[in-house]
Every structure is written in C-alpha cells, then in structure tokens.
Amino acid sequence: QVQLVESGGGLVQAGGSLRLSCAASGRTSSDYAMGWLRQAPGQEREFVAAISWSGSTYYEYSVEGRFTISRENAKNTAYLQMNSLQPDDTAVYYCAAEYLVVVTVRGWRFWGQGTQVTVSS
C-alpha cells in the first residue's frame, strides 16, 4: 500500500507559476511510476503528466512546454512545476502512483486526496 499526499496548490494569477509536491509513504519504492492528473469543475478527470522510475517523462499536449514533472527518489517525492498558468488550468490536481507508467486516467492504483489549483484571469 502506498499513501500519497499532495501539497503546493493555491491561487495564482494567469501567467504565474506553482510547484506541486507529492510525498509518498508506506510500501514505497523508487520503482513506482508517479503521475499527476487533474479534474476541473464539471469535467472528467484527465491525465497531465507522468514520470517513470527511470525518469522518462510523459505529458498531455496542452501542458507540454509549460509543466515539468520530476522526482527525488531519495525523498520519495514527485513534483509538478507549472509555469505560464492559465485559467483553463484551474482544477483539483491529484498525484497517483503505479508500478508501470500510465498515460491515461485509468490504471493508476494509488491516489492522493488532491490539491486545488486556481488560476485567476
């Protein structure tokens, strides 16, 4: 079992930046892939980014070039650096973990509770 706790969400103006963190605990292993997904009000949850245990990264096309996913295996922590934020990025952002990289919403076994990101225009 893996427990995930997100932090770093908040309110930011359009064009601003935020960095989300996801701290993993429990039966953790640097072999787990980590991911970020988000859900805007009234919309379905969508994939944002993922990083494999070896550091390979994957992005949803609308965030590529603006968001950067990274991880520090020694700290069992994953990050999502979000730059050039736009109002359409407003959502609850969830951290997820799975043994193999998943680039969809389904397939992630472990989930955090989510952190709110609000981008004002």
PDB file of N, CA and C in Angstrom:
ATOM      1  N   GLN A   1       0.837  -1.191   0.000  1.00  0.00           N
ATOM      2  CA  GLN A   1       0.000   0.000   0.000  1.00  0.00           C
ATOM      3  C   GLN A   1       0.875   1.246   0.000  1.00  0.00           C
ATOM      4  N   VAL A   2       0.480   2.223  -0.784  1.00  0.00           N
ATOM      5  CA  VAL A   2       1.221   3.479  -0.895  1.00  0.00           C
ATOM      6  C   VAL A   2       0.280   4.624  -0.546  1.00  0.00           C
ATOM      7  N   GLN A   3       0.723   5.488   0.326  1.00  0.00           N
ATOM      8  CA  GLN A   3      -0.046   6.688   0.647  1.00  0.00           C
ATOM      9  C   GLN A   3       0.606   7.897  -0.020  1.00  0.00           C
ATOM     10  N   LEU A   4      -0.225   8.748  -0.592  1.00  0.00           N
ATOM     11  CA  LEU A   4       0.264   9.909  -1.323  1.00  0.00           C
ATOM     12  C   LEU A   4      -0.380  11.166  -0.757  1.00  0.00           C
ATOM     13  N   VAL A   5       0.430  12.180  -0.529  1.00  0.00           N
ATOM     14  CA  VAL A   5      -0.074  13.443  -0.003  1.00  0.00           C
ATOM     15  C   VAL A   5       0.442  14.582  -0.868  1.00  0.00           C
ATOM     16  N   GLU A   6      -0.490  15.310  -1.472  1.00  0.00           N
ATOM     17  CA  GLU A   6      -0.121  16.444  -2.313  1.00  0.00           C
ATOM     18  C   GLU A   6      -0.064  17.732  -1.485  1.00  0.00           C
ATOM     19  N   SER A   7       0.730  18.652  -1.955  1.00  0.00           N
ATOM     20  CA  SER A   7       0.799  19.987  -1.370  1.00  0.00           C
ATOM     21  C   SER A   7       1.252  20.966  -2.439  1.00  0.00           C
ATOM     22  N   GLY A   8       1.067  22.254  -2.146  1.00  0.00           N
ATOM     23  CA  GLY A   8       1.567  23.281  -3.053  1.00  0.00           C
ATOM     24  C   GLY A   8       0.518  23.969  -3.893  1.00  0.00           C
ATOM     25  N   GLY A   9      -0.729  23.528  -3.780  1.00  0.00           N
ATOM     26  CA  GLY A   9      -1.776  24.190  -4.541  1.00  0.00           C
ATOM     27  C   GLY A   9      -2.075  25.574  -3.996  1.00  0.00           C
ATOM     28  N   GLY A  10      -2.887  26.322  -4.723  1.00  0.00           N
ATOM     29  CA  GLY A  10      -3.251  27.654  -4.262  1.00  0.00           C
ATOM     30  C   GLY A  10      -3.843  28.486  -5.369  1.00  0.00           C
ATOM     31  N   LEU A  11      -3.904  29.783  -5.112  1.00  0.00           N
ATOM     32  CA  LEU A  11      -4.451  30.758  -6.062  1.00  0.00           C
ATOM     33  C   LEU A  11      -3.309  31.526  -6.695  1.00  0.00           C
ATOM     34  N   VAL A  12      -3.326  31.639  -8.000  1.00  0.00           N
ATOM     35  CA  VAL A  12      -2.280  32.351  -8.722  1.00  0.00           C
ATOM     36  C   VAL A  12      -2.895  33.086  -9.902  1.00  0.00           C
ATOM     37  N   GLN A  13      -2.298  34.184 -10.287  1.00  0.00           N
ATOM     38  CA  GLN A  13      -2.784  34.927 -11.448  1.00  0.00           C
ATOM     39  C   GLN A  13      -2.316  34.263 -12.741  1.00  0.00           C
ATOM     40  N   ALA A  14      -3.038  34.498 -13.796  1.00  0.00           N
ATOM     41  CA  ALA A  14      -2.656  33.976 -15.100  1.00  0.00           C
ATOM     42  C   ALA A  14      -1.227  34.412 -15.432  1.00  0.00           C
ATOM     43  N   GLY A  15      -0.459  33.476 -15.958  1.00  0.00           N
ATOM     44  CA  GLY A  15       0.942  33.738 -16.256  1.00  0.00           C
ATOM     45  C   GLY A  15       1.887  33.385 -15.133  1.00  0.00           C
ATOM     46  N   GLY A  16       1.335  33.088 -13.971  1.00  0.00           N
ATOM     47  CA  GLY A  16       2.148  32.759 -12.814  1.00  0.00           C
ATOM     48  C   GLY A  16       2.555  31.301 -12.770  1.00  0.00           C
ATOM     49  N   SER A  17       3.216  30.935 -11.675  1.00  0.00           N
ATOM     50  CA  SER A  17       3.759  29.579 -11.517  1.00  0.00           C
ATOM     51  C   SER A  17       3.397  29.017 -10.155  1.00  0.00           C
ATOM     52  N   LEU A  18       3.329  27.708 -10.099  1.00  0.00           N
ATOM     53  CA  LEU A  18       3.172  26.968  -8.858  1.00  0.00           C
ATOM     54  C   LEU A  18       3.966  25.682  -8.982  1.00  0.00           C
ATOM     55  N   ARG A  19       4.413  25.168  -7.827  1.00  0.00           N
ATOM     56  CA  ARG A  19       5.035  23.852  -7.813  1.00  0.00           C
ATOM     57  C   ARG A  19       4.278  22.961  -6.851  1.00  0.00           C
ATOM     58  N   LEU A  20       3.770  21.864  -7.376  1.00  0.00           N
ATOM     59  CA  LEU A  20       3.089  20.875  -6.558  1.00  0.00           C
ATOM     60  C   LEU A  20       4.079  19.807  -6.125  1.00  0.00           C
ATOM     61  N   SER A  21       3.873  19.301  -4.921  1.00  0.00           N
ATOM     62  CA  SER A  21       4.684  18.209  -4.405  1.00  0.00           C
ATOM     63  C   SER A  21       3.780  17.040  -4.046  1.00  0.00           C
ATOM     64  N   CYS A  22       4.317  15.844  -4.170  1.00  0.00           N
ATOM     65  CA  CYS A  22       3.598  14.633  -3.799  1.00  0.00           C
ATOM     66  C   CYS A  22       4.543  13.760  -2.988  1.00  0.00           C
ATOM     67  N   ALA A  23       4.260  13.649  -1.709  1.00  0.00           N
ATOM     68  CA  ALA A  23       5.073  12.834  -0.817  1.00  0.00           C
ATOM     69  C   ALA A  23       4.453  11.445  -0.696  1.00  0.00           C
ATOM     70  N   ALA A  24       5.257  10.428  -0.959  1.00  0.00           N
ATOM     71  CA  ALA A  24       4.794   9.048  -0.899  1.00  0.00           C
ATOM     72  C   ALA A  24       5.299   8.379   0.369  1.00  0.00           C
ATOM     73  N   SER A  25       4.477   7.537   0.952  1.00  0.00           N
ATOM     74  CA  SER A  25       4.876   6.777   2.137  1.00  0.00           C
ATOM     75  C   SER A  25       4.216   5.410   2.080  1.00  0.00           C
ATOM     76  N   GLY A  26       4.625   4.533   2.996  1.00  0.00           N
ATOM     77  CA  GLY A  26       4.109   3.173   3.004  1.00  0.00           C
ATOM     78  C   GLY A  26       5.078   2.265   2.276  1.00  0.00           C
ATOM     79  N   ARG A  27       4.523   1.324   1.517  1.00  0.00           N
ATOM     80  CA  ARG A  27       5.368   0.395   0.774  1.00  0.00           C
ATOM     81  C   ARG A  27       5.897   1.095  -0.470  1.00  0.00           C
ATOM     82  N   THR A  28       6.739   2.101  -0.228  1.00  0.00           N
ATOM     83  CA  THR A  28       7.209   2.910  -1.346  1.00  0.00           C
ATOM     84  C   THR A  28       8.436   2.290  -1.976  1.00  0.00           C
ATOM     85  N   SER A  29       8.633   2.619  -3.180  1.00  0.00           N
ATOM     86  CA  SER A  29       9.793   2.144  -3.913  1.00  0.00           C
ATOM     87  C   SER A  29      10.076   3.117  -5.045  1.00  0.00           C
ATOM     88  N   SER A  30      11.345   3.338  -5.285  1.00  0.00           N
ATOM     89  CA  SER A  30      11.691   4.214  -6.406  1.00  0.00           C
ATOM     90  C   SER A  30      11.331   3.564  -7.735  1.00  0.00           C
ATOM     91  N   ASP A  31      10.878   2.287  -7.706  1.00  0.00           N
ATOM     92  CA  ASP A  31      10.453   1.641  -8.949  1.00  0.00           C
ATOM     93  C   ASP A  31       9.067   2.090  -9.408  1.00  0.00           C
ATOM     94  N   TYR A  32       8.317   2.747  -8.545  1.00  0.00           N
ATOM     95  CA  TYR A  32       6.969   3.176  -8.906  1.00  0.00           C
ATOM     96  C   TYR A  32       7.024   4.349  -9.867  1.00  0.00           C
ATOM     97  N   ALA A  33       6.169   4.320 -10.866  1.00  0.00           N
ATOM     98  CA  ALA A  33       5.928   5.496 -11.686  1.00  0.00           C
ATOM     99  C   ALA A  33       4.992   6.424 -10.920  1.00  0.00           C
ATOM    100  N   MET A  34       5.180   7.721 -11.136  1.00  0.00           N
ATOM    101  CA  MET A  34       4.355   8.717 -10.474  1.00  0.00           C
ATOM    102  C   MET A  34       3.661   9.553 -11.538  1.00  0.00           C
ATOM    103  N   GLY A  35       2.486  10.026 -11.221  1.00  0.00           N
ATOM    104  CA  GLY A  35       1.753  10.817 -12.190  1.00  0.00           C
ATOM    105  C   GLY A  35       0.949  11.924 -11.547  1.00  0.00           C
ATOM    106  N   TRP A  36       0.578  12.868 -12.386  1.00  0.00           N
ATOM    107  CA  TRP A  36      -0.330  13.941 -11.984  1.00  0.00           C
ATOM    108  C   TRP A  36      -1.523  13.946 -12.918  1.00  0.00           C
ATOM    109  N   LEU A  37      -2.678  14.049 -12.330  1.00  0.00           N
ATOM    110  CA  LEU A  37      -3.924  14.135 -13.080  1.00  0.00           C
ATOM    111  C   LEU A  37      -4.725  15.273 -12.488  1.00  0.00           C
ATOM    112  N   ARG A  38      -5.715  15.774 -13.231  1.00  0.00           N
ATOM    113  CA  ARG A  38      -6.498  16.896 -12.714  1.00  0.00           C
ATOM    114  C   ARG A  38      -7.949  16.762 -13.108  1.00  0.00           C
ATOM    115  N   GLN A  39      -8.788  17.422 -12.333  1.00  0.00           N
ATOM    116  CA  GLN A  39     -10.212  17.414 -12.615  1.00  0.00           C
ATOM    117  C   GLN A  39     -10.768  18.810 -12.390  1.00  0.00           C
ATOM    118  N   ALA A  40     -11.228  19.418 -13.471  1.00  0.00           N
ATOM    119  CA  ALA A  40     -11.845  20.737 -13.391  1.00  0.00           C
ATOM    120  C   ALA A  40     -13.325  20.589 -13.040  1.00  0.00           C
ATOM    121  N   PRO A  41     -13.939  21.627 -12.496  1.00  0.00           N
ATOM    122  CA  PRO A  41     -15.360  21.550 -12.139  1.00  0.00           C
ATOM    123  C   PRO A  41     -16.225  21.146 -13.319  1.00  0.00           C
ATOM    124  N   GLY A  42     -17.053  20.149 -13.128  1.00  0.00           N
ATOM    125  CA  GLY A  42     -17.975  19.712 -14.166  1.00  0.00           C
ATOM    126  C   GLY A  42     -17.343  18.930 -15.300  1.00  0.00           C
ATOM    127  N   GLN A  43     -16.064  18.618 -15.167  1.00  0.00           N
ATOM    128  CA  GLN A  43     -15.380  17.895 -16.236  1.00  0.00           C
ATOM    129  C   GLN A  43     -14.821  16.580 -15.719  1.00  0.00           C
ATOM    130  N   GLU A  44     -14.466  15.713 -16.657  1.00  0.00           N
ATOM    131  CA  GLU A  44     -13.883  14.441 -16.273  1.00  0.00           C
ATOM    132  C   GLU A  44     -12.422  14.634 -15.880  1.00  0.00           C
ATOM    133  N   ARG A  45     -11.945  13.722 -15.063  1.00  0.00           N
ATOM    134  CA  ARG A  45     -10.533  13.749 -14.682  1.00  0.00           C
ATOM    135  C   ARG A  45      -9.696  13.468 -15.923  1.00  0.00           C
ATOM    136  N   GLU A  46      -8.550  14.160 -16.031  1.00  0.00           N
ATOM    137  CA  GLU A  46      -7.687  13.974 -17.196  1.00  0.00           C
ATOM    138  C   GLU A  46      -6.232  13.807 -16.775  1.00  0.00           C
ATOM    139  N   PHE A  47      -5.506  13.107 -17.614  1.00  0.00           N
ATOM    140  CA  PHE A  47      -4.068  12.894 -17.400  1.00  0.00           C
ATOM    141  C   PHE A  47      -3.322  14.193 -17.673  1.00  0.00           C
ATOM    142  N   VAL A  48      -2.320  14.484 -16.847  1.00  0.00           N
ATOM    143  CA  VAL A  48      -1.498  15.677 -17.039  1.00  0.00           C
ATOM    144  C   VAL A  48      -0.055  15.289 -17.369  1.00  0.00           C
ATOM    145  N   ALA A  49       0.547  14.489 -16.511  1.00  0.00           N
ATOM    146  CA  ALA A  49       1.956  14.148 -16.708  1.00  0.00           C
ATOM    147  C   ALA A  49       2.298  12.912 -15.900  1.00  0.00           C
ATOM    148  N   ALA A  50       3.352  12.223 -16.320  1.00  0.00           N
ATOM    149  CA  ALA A  50       3.825  11.049 -15.597  1.00  0.00           C
ATOM    150  C   ALA A  50       5.327  10.934 -15.748  1.00  0.00           C
ATOM    151  N   ILE A  51       5.937  10.262 -14.775  1.00  0.00           N
ATOM    152  CA  ILE A  51       7.376  10.029 -14.818  1.00  0.00           C
ATOM    153  C   ILE A  51       7.643   8.607 -14.369  1.00  0.00           C
ATOM    154  N   SER A  52       8.465   7.901 -15.125  1.00  0.00           N
ATOM    155  CA  SER A  52       8.780   6.520 -14.801  1.00  0.00           C
ATOM    156  C   SER A  52       9.812   6.462 -13.682  1.00  0.00           C
ATOM    157  N   TRP A  53      10.079   5.256 -13.199  1.00  0.00           N
ATOM    158  CA  TRP A  53      11.081   5.096 -12.153  1.00  0.00           C
ATOM    159  C   TRP A  53      12.453   5.537 -12.645  1.00  0.00           C
ATOM    160  N   SER A  54      12.686   5.415 -13.947  1.00  0.00           N
ATOM    161  CA  SER A  54      13.999   5.767 -14.511  1.00  0.00           C
ATOM    162  C   SER A  54      14.077   7.233 -14.926  1.00  0.00           C
ATOM    163  N   GLY A  55      12.950   7.956 -14.847  1.00  0.00           N
ATOM    164  CA  GLY A  55      12.987   9.374 -15.170  1.00  0.00           C
ATOM    165  C   GLY A  55      12.412   9.750 -16.520  1.00  0.00           C
ATOM    166  N   SER A  56      11.907   8.811 -17.268  1.00  0.00           N
ATOM    167  CA  SER A  56      11.246   9.150 -18.528  1.00  0.00           C
ATOM    168  C   SER A  56       9.945   9.891 -18.232  1.00  0.00           C
ATOM    169  N   THR A  57       9.691  10.940 -19.009  1.00  0.00           N
ATOM    170  CA  THR A  57       8.530  11.784 -18.732  1.00  0.00           C
ATOM    171  C   THR A  57       7.533  11.763 -19.883  1.00  0.00           C
ATOM    172  N   TYR A  58       6.289  12.003 -19.528  1.00  0.00           N
ATOM    173  CA  TYR A  58       5.185  11.972 -20.477  1.00  0.00           C
ATOM    174  C   TYR A  58       4.231  13.108 -20.106  1.00  0.00           C
ATOM    175  N   TYR A  59       3.720  13.823 -21.129  1.00  0.00           N
ATOM    176  CA  TYR A  59       2.856  14.977 -20.874  1.00  0.00           C
ATOM    177  C   TYR A  59       1.624  14.958 -21.756  1.00  0.00           C
ATOM    178  N   GLU A  60       0.553  15.497 -21.233  1.00  0.00           N
ATOM    179  CA  GLU A  60      -0.614  15.798 -22.044  1.00  0.00           C
ATOM    180  C   GLU A  60      -0.249  17.001 -22.896  1.00  0.00           C
ATOM    181  N   TYR A  61      -0.750  17.042 -24.146  1.00  0.00           N
ATOM    182  CA  TYR A  61      -0.210  18.001 -25.106  1.00  0.00           C
ATOM    183  C   TYR A  61      -0.410  19.452 -24.665  1.00  0.00           C
ATOM    184  N   SER A  62      -1.499  19.739 -23.948  1.00  0.00           N
ATOM    185  CA  SER A  62      -1.798  21.134 -23.616  1.00  0.00           C
ATOM    186  C   SER A  62      -0.868  21.699 -22.537  1.00  0.00           C
ATOM    187  N   VAL A  63      -0.144  20.835 -21.835  1.00  0.00           N
ATOM    188  CA  VAL A  63       0.756  21.316 -20.784  1.00  0.00           C
ATOM    189  C   VAL A  63       2.218  21.180 -21.170  1.00  0.00           C
ATOM    190  N   GLU A  64       2.496  20.447 -22.244  1.00  0.00           N
ATOM    191  CA  GLU A  64       3.888  20.242 -22.650  1.00  0.00           C
ATOM    192  C   GLU A  64       4.538  21.586 -22.952  1.00  0.00           C
ATOM    193  N   GLY A  65       5.727  21.781 -22.387  1.00  0.00           N
ATOM    194  CA  GLY A  65       6.426  23.044 -22.554  1.00  0.00           C
ATOM    195  C   GLY A  65       6.131  24.040 -21.443  1.00  0.00           C
ATOM    196  N   ARG A  66       5.060  23.816 -20.702  1.00  0.00           N
ATOM    197  CA  ARG A  66       4.722  24.702 -19.575  1.00  0.00           C
ATOM    198  C   ARG A  66       4.902  23.991 -18.230  1.00  0.00           C
ATOM    199  N   PHE A  67       4.594  22.713 -18.191  1.00  0.00           N
ATOM    200  CA  PHE A  67       4.686  21.942 -16.954  1.00  0.00           C
ATOM    201  C   PHE A  67       5.898  21.005 -17.034  1.00  0.00           C
ATOM    202  N   THR A  68       6.511  20.770 -15.886  1.00  0.00           N
ATOM    203  CA  THR A  68       7.632  19.839 -15.801  1.00  0.00           C
ATOM    204  C   THR A  68       7.426  18.920 -14.616  1.00  0.00           C
ATOM    205  N   ILE A  69       7.427  17.613 -14.883  1.00  0.00           N
ATOM    206  CA  ILE A  69       7.324  16.634 -13.809  1.00  0.00           C
ATOM    207  C   ILE A  69       8.727  16.147 -13.477  1.00  0.00           C
ATOM    208  N   SER A  70       8.979  15.945 -12.194  1.00  0.00           N
ATOM    209  CA  SER A  70      10.280  15.446 -11.760  1.00  0.00           C
ATOM    210  C   SER A  70      10.084  14.627 -10.488  1.00  0.00           C
ATOM    211  N   ARG A  71      11.167  13.986 -10.041  1.00  0.00           N
ATOM    212  CA  ARG A  71      11.061  13.189  -8.822  1.00  0.00           C
ATOM    213  C   ARG A  71      12.391  13.155  -8.112  1.00  0.00           C
ATOM    214  N   GLU A  72      12.332  13.002  -6.817  1.00  0.00           N
ATOM    215  CA  GLU A  72      13.510  12.770  -5.989  1.00  0.00           C
ATOM    216  C   GLU A  72      13.281  11.450  -5.274  1.00  0.00           C
ATOM    217  N   ASN A  73      13.879  10.386  -5.795  1.00  0.00           N
ATOM    218  CA  ASN A  73      13.627   9.061  -5.246  1.00  0.00           C
ATOM    219  C   ASN A  73      14.092   8.946  -3.792  1.00  0.00           C
ATOM    220  N   ALA A  74      15.162   9.631  -3.453  1.00  0.00           N
ATOM    221  CA  ALA A  74      15.668   9.559  -2.076  1.00  0.00           C
ATOM    222  C   ALA A  74      14.665  10.136  -1.082  1.00  0.00           C
ATOM    223  N   LYS A  75      13.818  11.036  -1.548  1.00  0.00           N
ATOM    224  CA  LYS A  75      12.805  11.653  -0.689  1.00  0.00           C
ATOM    225  C   LYS A  75      11.416  11.078  -0.934  1.00  0.00           C
ATOM    226  N   ASN A  76      11.306  10.106  -1.844  1.00  0.00           N
ATOM    227  CA  ASN A  76      10.001   9.539  -2.208  1.00  0.00           C
ATOM    228  C   ASN A  76       9.006  10.645  -2.549  1.00  0.00           C
ATOM    229  N   THR A  77       9.456  11.599  -3.324  1.00  0.00           N
ATOM    230  CA  THR A  77       8.644  12.764  -3.641  1.00  0.00           C
ATOM    231  C   THR A  77       8.666  13.045  -5.140  1.00  0.00           C
ATOM    232  N   ALA A  78       7.512  13.384  -5.660  1.00  0.00           N
ATOM    233  CA  ALA A  78       7.396  13.811  -7.047  1.00  0.00           C
ATOM    234  C   ALA A  78       6.919  15.261  -7.066  1.00  0.00           C
ATOM    235  N   TYR A  79       7.253  15.944  -8.135  1.00  0.00           N
ATOM    236  CA  TYR A  79       6.909  17.363  -8.247  1.00  0.00           C
ATOM    237  C   TYR A  79       6.259  17.639  -9.594  1.00  0.00           C
ATOM    238  N   LEU A  80       5.481  18.705  -9.613  1.00  0.00           N
ATOM    239  CA  LEU A  80       4.956  19.213 -10.872  1.00  0.00           C
ATOM    240  C   LEU A  80       5.163  20.718 -10.868  1.00  0.00           C
ATOM    241  N   GLN A  81       6.144  21.173 -11.637  1.00  0.00           N
ATOM    242  CA  GLN A  81       6.391  22.593 -11.792  1.00  0.00           C
ATOM    243  C   GLN A  81       5.480  23.109 -12.895  1.00  0.00           C
ATOM    244  N   MET A  82       4.640  24.073 -12.566  1.00  0.00           N
ATOM    245  CA  MET A  82       3.669  24.590 -13.519  1.00  0.00           C
ATOM    246  C   MET A  82       3.964  26.060 -13.777  1.00  0.00           C
ATOM    247  N   ASN A  83       4.303  26.370 -15.019  1.00  0.00           N
ATOM    248  CA  ASN A  83       4.602  27.737 -15.429  1.00  0.00           C
ATOM    249  C   ASN A  83       3.558  28.213 -16.434  1.00  0.00           C
ATOM    250  N   SER A  84       3.515  29.519 -16.635  1.00  0.00           N
ATOM    251  CA  SER A  84       2.580  30.114 -17.605  1.00  0.00           C
ATOM    252  C   SER A  84       1.170  29.587 -17.397  1.00  0.00           C
ATOM    253  N   LEU A  85       0.740  29.573 -16.159  1.00  0.00           N
ATOM    254  CA  LEU A  85      -0.578  29.039 -15.836  1.00  0.00           C
ATOM    255  C   LEU A  85      -1.687  29.889 -16.446  1.00  0.00           C
ATOM    256  N   GLN A  86      -2.713  29.205 -16.877  1.00  0.00           N
ATOM    257  CA  GLN A  86      -3.878  29.852 -17.490  1.00  0.00           C
ATOM    258  C   GLN A  86      -5.137  29.455 -16.724  1.00  0.00           C
ATOM    259  N   PRO A  87      -6.205  30.258 -16.850  1.00  0.00           N
ATOM    260  CA  PRO A  87      -7.448  29.898 -16.150  1.00  0.00           C
ATOM    261  C   PRO A  87      -7.936  28.490 -16.463  1.00  0.00           C
ATOM    262  N   ASP A  88      -7.684  27.995 -17.665  1.00  0.00           N
ATOM    263  CA  ASP A  88      -8.097  26.631 -18.022  1.00  0.00           C
ATOM    264  C   ASP A  88      -7.343  25.568 -17.232  1.00  0.00           C
ATOM    265  N   ASP A  89      -6.278  25.947 -16.554  1.00  0.00           N
ATOM    266  CA  ASP A  89      -5.534  25.003 -15.715  1.00  0.00           C
ATOM    267  C   ASP A  89      -6.173  24.846 -14.347  1.00  0.00           C
ATOM    268  N   THR A  90      -7.179  25.637 -14.045  1.00  0.00           N
ATOM    269  CA  THR A  90      -7.868  25.541 -12.759  1.00  0.00           C
ATOM    270  C   THR A  90      -8.502  24.170 -12.597  1.00  0.00           C
ATOM    271  N   ALA A  91      -8.152  23.495 -11.509  1.00  0.00           N
ATOM    272  CA  ALA A  91      -8.635  22.128 -11.271  1.00  0.00           C
ATOM    273  C   ALA A  91      -8.124  21.645  -9.924  1.00  0.00           C
ATOM    274  N   VAL A  92      -8.650  20.521  -9.502  1.00  0.00           N
ATOM    275  CA  VAL A  92      -8.040  19.772  -8.410  1.00  0.00           C
ATOM    276  C   VAL A  92      -6.995  18.860  -9.038  1.00  0.00           C
ATOM    277  N   TYR A  93      -5.788  18.953  -8.543  1.00  0.00           N
ATOM    278  CA  TYR A  93      -4.686  18.150  -9.075  1.00  0.00           C
ATOM    279  C   TYR A  93      -4.420  16.976  -8.137  1.00  0.00           C
ATOM    280  N   TYR A  94      -4.373  15.784  -8.722  1.00  0.00           N
ATOM    281  CA  TYR A  94      -4.179  14.562  -7.975  1.00  0.00           C
ATOM    282  C   TYR A  94      -2.837  13.935  -8.327  1.00  0.00           C
ATOM    283  N   CYS A  95      -2.165  13.435  -7.325  1.00  0.00           N
ATOM    284  CA  CYS A  95      -0.971  12.630  -7.508  1.00  0.00           C
ATOM    285  C   CYS A  95      -1.390  11.162  -7.535  1.00  0.00           C
ATOM    286  N   ALA A  96      -0.716  10.368  -8.345  1.00  0.00           N
ATOM    287  CA  ALA A  96      -1.027   8.946  -8.439  1.00  0.00           C
ATOM    288  C   ALA A  96       0.255   8.153  -8.599  1.00  0.00           C
ATOM    289  N   ALA A  97       0.185   6.873  -8.248  1.00  0.00           N
ATOM    290  CA  ALA A  97       1.348   6.008  -8.364  1.00  0.00           C
ATOM    291  C   ALA A  97       0.923   4.639  -8.869  1.00  0.00           C
ATOM    292  N   GLU A  98       1.798   4.048  -9.628  1.00  0.00           N
ATOM    293  CA  GLU A  98       1.569   2.702 -10.164  1.00  0.00           C
ATOM    294  C   GLU A  98       2.932   2.123 -10.535  1.00  0.00           C
ATOM    295  N   TYR A  99       3.003   0.808 -10.566  1.00  0.00           N
ATOM    296  CA  TYR A  99       4.300   0.190 -10.838  1.00  0.00           C
ATOM    297  C   TYR A  99       4.810   0.545 -12.232  1.00  0.00           C
ATOM    298  N   LEU A 100       3.902   0.550 -13.216  1.00  0.00           N
ATOM    299  CA  LEU A 100       4.295   0.896 -14.577  1.00  0.00           C
ATOM    300  C   LEU A 100       3.692   2.252 -14.945  1.00  0.00           C
ATOM    301  N   VAL A 101       4.326   2.961 -15.845  1.00  0.00           N
ATOM    302  CA  VAL A 101       3.825   4.260 -16.272  1.00  0.00           C
ATOM    303  C   VAL A 101       2.458   4.112 -16.940  1.00  0.00           C
ATOM    304  N   VAL A 102       1.560   4.998 -16.598  1.00  0.00           N
ATOM    305  CA  VAL A 102       0.225   5.049 -17.187  1.00  0.00           C
ATOM    306  C   VAL A 102       0.020   6.452 -17.749  1.00  0.00           C
ATOM    307  N   VAL A 103      -0.442   6.552 -18.961  1.00  0.00           N
ATOM    308  CA  VAL A 103      -0.663   7.876 -19.566  1.00  0.00           C
ATOM    309  C   VAL A 103      -2.144   8.131 -19.794  1.00  0.00           C
ATOM    310  N   THR A 104      -2.961   7.471 -19.013  1.00  0.00           N
ATOM    311  CA  THR A 104      -4.398   7.708 -19.034  1.00  0.00           C
ATOM    312  C   THR A 104      -4.854   7.896 -17.597  1.00  0.00           C
ATOM    313  N   VAL A 105      -6.157   8.115 -17.425  1.00  0.00           N
ATOM    314  CA  VAL A 105      -6.700   8.256 -16.077  1.00  0.00           C
ATOM    315  C   VAL A 105      -6.816   6.889 -15.414  1.00  0.00           C
ATOM    316  N   ARG A 106      -7.317   5.919 -16.176  1.00  0.00           N
ATOM    317  CA  ARG A 106      -7.478   4.583 -15.621  1.00  0.00           C
ATOM    318  C   ARG A 106      -6.120   3.889 -15.546  1.00  0.00           C
ATOM    319  N   GLY A 107      -5.964   3.059 -14.554  1.00  0.00           N
ATOM    320  CA  GLY A 107      -4.742   2.278 -14.446  1.00  0.00           C
ATOM    321  C   GLY A 107      -3.877   2.653 -13.275  1.00  0.00           C
ATOM    322  N   TRP A 108      -4.121   3.805 -12.683  1.00  0.00           N
ATOM    323  CA  TRP A 108      -3.352   4.212 -11.509  1.00  0.00           C
ATOM    324  C   TRP A 108      -3.976   3.544 -10.279  1.00  0.00           C
ATOM    325  N   ARG A 109      -3.148   2.876  -9.493  1.00  0.00           N
ATOM    326  CA  ARG A 109      -3.676   2.131  -8.367  1.00  0.00           C
ATOM    327  C   ARG A 109      -3.789   2.985  -7.104  1.00  0.00           C
ATOM    328  N   PHE A 110      -2.837   3.878  -6.909  1.00  0.00           N
ATOM    329  CA  PHE A 110      -2.798   4.658  -5.682  1.00  0.00           C
ATOM    330  C   PHE A 110      -3.018   6.140  -5.996  1.00  0.00           C
ATOM    331  N   TRP A 111      -3.817   6.797  -5.172  1.00  0.00           N
ATOM    332  CA  TRP A 111      -4.186   8.190  -5.407  1.00  0.00           C
ATOM    333  C   TRP A 111      -4.023   9.016  -4.133  1.00  0.00           C
ATOM    334  N   GLY A 112      -3.656  10.281  -4.310  1.00  0.00           N
ATOM    335  CA  GLY A 112      -3.690  11.227  -3.211  1.00  0.00           C
ATOM    336  C   GLY A 112      -5.073  11.851  -3.104  1.00  0.00           C
ATOM    337  N   GLN A 113      -5.212  12.758  -2.152  1.00  0.00           N
ATOM    338  CA  GLN A 113      -6.516  13.357  -1.895  1.00  0.00           C
ATOM    339  C   GLN A 113      -6.788  14.575  -2.773  1.00  0.00           C
ATOM    340  N   GLY A 114      -5.758  15.081  -3.422  1.00  0.00           N
ATOM    341  CA  GLY A 114      -5.912  16.207  -4.331  1.00  0.00           C
ATOM    342  C   GLY A 114      -5.583  17.534  -3.693  1.00  0.00           C
ATOM    343  N   THR A 115      -5.154  18.466  -4.519  1.00  0.00           N
ATOM    344  CA  THR A 115      -4.871  19.828  -4.067  1.00  0.00           C
ATOM    345  C   THR A 115      -5.439  20.796  -5.105  1.00  0.00           C
ATOM    346  N   GLN A 116      -6.092  21.849  -4.623  1.00  0.00           N
ATOM    347  CA  GLN A 116      -6.770  22.786  -5.510  1.00  0.00           C
ATOM    348  C   GLN A 116      -5.783  23.779  -6.100  1.00  0.00           C
ATOM    349  N   VAL A 117      -5.867  23.959  -7.411  1.00  0.00           N
ATOM    350  CA  VAL A 117      -5.126  24.996  -8.108  1.00  0.00           C
ATOM    351  C   VAL A 117      -6.141  25.903  -8.793  1.00  0.00           C
ATOM    352  N   THR A 118      -6.086  27.184  -8.482  1.00  0.00           N
ATOM    353  CA  THR A 118      -6.997  28.140  -9.068  1.00  0.00           C
ATOM    354  C   THR A 118      -6.193  29.240  -9.750  1.00  0.00           C
ATOM    355  N   VAL A 119      -6.473  29.460 -11.028  1.00  0.00           N
ATOM    356  CA  VAL A 119      -5.767  30.471 -11.799  1.00  0.00           C
ATOM    357  C   VAL A 119      -6.764  31.561 -12.169  1.00  0.00           C
ATOM    358  N   SER A 120      -6.504  32.764 -11.699  1.00  0.00           N
ATOM    359  CA  SER A 120      -7.407  33.884 -11.986  1.00  0.00           C
ATOM    360  C   SER A 120      -6.954  34.633 -13.231  1.00  0.00           C
ATOM    361  N   SER A 121      -7.917  35.187 -13.937  1.00  0.00           N
ATOM    362  CA  SER A 121      -7.589  35.898 -15.178  1.00  0.00           C
ATOM    363  C   SER A 121      -7.311  37.363 -14.918  1.00  0.00           C
TER     364      SER A 121
END
